[in-house]
Protein backbone atom coordinates (compact mmCIF):
# COMPACT_ATOMS: atom_id res chain seq x y z
CA MET A 1 3.02 -32.07 -10.17
CA LYS A 2 5.68 -33.27 -7.80
CA ILE A 3 4.86 -33.25 -4.08
CA LYS A 4 7.49 -32.74 -1.39
CA TYR A 5 7.24 -32.43 2.37
CA TYR A 6 8.87 -29.52 4.15
CA THR A 7 11.69 -30.76 6.38
CA THR A 8 13.21 -28.69 9.20
CA PRO A 9 16.98 -28.18 9.45
CA ASP A 10 17.08 -31.02 12.02
CA ASP A 11 15.28 -33.43 9.63
CA VAL A 12 11.82 -33.28 11.22
CA ILE A 13 8.86 -33.36 8.84
CA PRO A 14 6.17 -31.30 10.62
CA LEU A 15 3.30 -32.76 8.60
CA GLN A 16 4.31 -36.34 9.42
CA LYS A 17 4.75 -35.41 13.08
CA TRP A 18 1.25 -33.91 13.13
CA LEU A 19 -0.22 -36.97 11.38
CA SER A 20 1.36 -39.27 13.98
CA LYS A 21 -0.80 -37.48 16.57
CA ASN A 22 -3.88 -37.27 14.31
CA ARG A 23 -3.89 -40.70 12.69
CA SER A 24 -7.52 -40.48 11.59
CA ALA A 25 -6.53 -37.65 9.23
CA ILE A 26 -3.91 -39.70 7.33
CA SER A 27 -6.25 -40.91 4.58
CA LYS A 28 -7.64 -37.39 4.08
CA VAL A 29 -4.18 -35.84 3.74
CA LEU A 30 -3.12 -38.61 1.33
CA ALA A 31 -6.22 -37.88 -0.78
CA VAL A 32 -5.23 -34.18 -0.86
CA GLU A 33 -1.72 -35.19 -1.95
CA GLU A 34 -3.10 -37.33 -4.79
CA ARG A 35 -5.31 -34.49 -6.05
CA LEU A 36 -2.38 -32.10 -5.99
CA LYS A 37 -0.17 -34.59 -7.88
CA LEU A 38 -2.76 -34.51 -10.66
CA GLY A 39 -2.48 -30.72 -10.78
CA ASN A 40 -5.88 -30.15 -9.18
CA LEU A 41 -5.40 -26.89 -7.30
CA SER A 42 -9.05 -25.84 -7.51
CA SER A 43 -9.58 -26.42 -3.78
CA VAL A 44 -6.51 -24.40 -2.79
CA LYS A 45 -7.18 -20.91 -1.48
CA TRP A 46 -4.10 -18.72 -1.86
CA LEU A 47 -4.15 -16.46 1.18
CA SER A 48 -3.78 -12.77 0.42
CA GLY A 49 -2.68 -11.93 3.96
CA ARG A 50 -0.10 -14.72 3.91
CA PRO A 51 1.83 -14.38 0.63
CA GLY A 52 2.87 -17.67 -0.92
CA ILE A 53 0.78 -19.83 1.42
CA GLY A 54 -2.07 -21.96 0.14
CA GLU A 55 -4.78 -23.53 2.27
CA TYR A 56 -6.49 -26.73 1.16
CA ARG A 57 -9.69 -27.16 3.15
CA VAL A 58 -11.10 -30.63 3.66
CA ASN A 59 -14.74 -30.86 4.72
CA TRP A 60 -14.09 -33.45 7.40
CA GLY A 61 -13.94 -33.61 11.17
CA ALA A 62 -13.17 -30.32 12.88
CA GLY A 63 -12.34 -28.61 9.58
CA LEU A 64 -9.06 -30.11 8.36
CA ARG A 65 -6.66 -27.74 6.61
CA VAL A 66 -3.45 -28.59 4.77
CA TYR A 67 -1.03 -25.70 4.24
CA LEU A 68 1.26 -25.64 1.24
CA MET A 69 3.44 -23.54 -1.03
CA LYS A 70 4.62 -23.78 -4.62
CA ASP A 71 8.25 -23.98 -5.67
CA GLY A 72 8.11 -23.07 -9.34
CA ASP A 73 5.34 -24.35 -11.58
CA GLU A 74 5.67 -28.08 -10.99
CA ILE A 75 6.50 -28.58 -7.29
CA ILE A 76 4.17 -28.37 -4.30
CA ILE A 77 5.66 -28.31 -0.80
CA LEU A 78 3.32 -29.58 1.93
CA LEU A 79 4.15 -27.50 5.00
CA CYS A 80 1.81 -28.53 7.81
CA ALA A 81 -1.79 -29.31 8.68
CA GLY A 82 -4.30 -28.61 11.40
CA PHE A 83 -7.91 -28.03 12.23
CA LYS A 84 -10.02 -24.87 12.20
CA ASP A 85 -9.49 -24.26 15.92
CA THR A 86 -5.68 -24.08 15.49
CA GLN A 87 -5.76 -22.17 12.21
CA ASP A 88 -3.96 -19.02 13.38
CA SER A 89 -1.14 -21.00 14.97
CA ASP A 90 -0.89 -23.32 11.97
CA LEU A 91 -0.71 -20.38 9.56
CA GLY A 92 2.11 -18.89 11.62
CA LYS A 93 3.99 -22.19 11.39
CA ALA A 94 3.36 -22.40 7.65
CA GLN A 95 4.80 -18.91 7.14
CA SER A 96 7.84 -19.76 9.23
CA TYR A 97 8.39 -23.04 7.37
CA ARG A 98 8.04 -21.30 4.00
CA ALA A 99 10.59 -18.64 4.98
CA ASP A 100 13.02 -21.31 6.19
CA TYR A 101 12.55 -23.38 3.02
CA LEU A 102 13.23 -20.39 0.77
CA LYS A 103 16.27 -19.34 2.82
CA ARG A 104 17.85 -22.80 2.72
CA ARG A 105 16.96 -23.39 -0.92
CA GLY A 106 18.99 -20.33 -1.84
């Protein structure tokens, strides 16, 4: 699978911005990316209350989560990440990023 990072209209990559503030999570997020590249989606929970949003939970630290979406069958878009205590806010961002991505993709 091909992995892409969601980029805002003003060329900000929210996941990279978050990682710059949470540097200890970089290796964990890169490991998630590698698993996804291999097509391993078994740890992704597709959220019924948030259509099109997947949550990849990492059993590390304060409960790392990576939020993603699919674009077709072969592309994964990494939207954002966060910890359990910011889950509601992070899910809201993920939904907003997904909607923006789909709108701009056309």
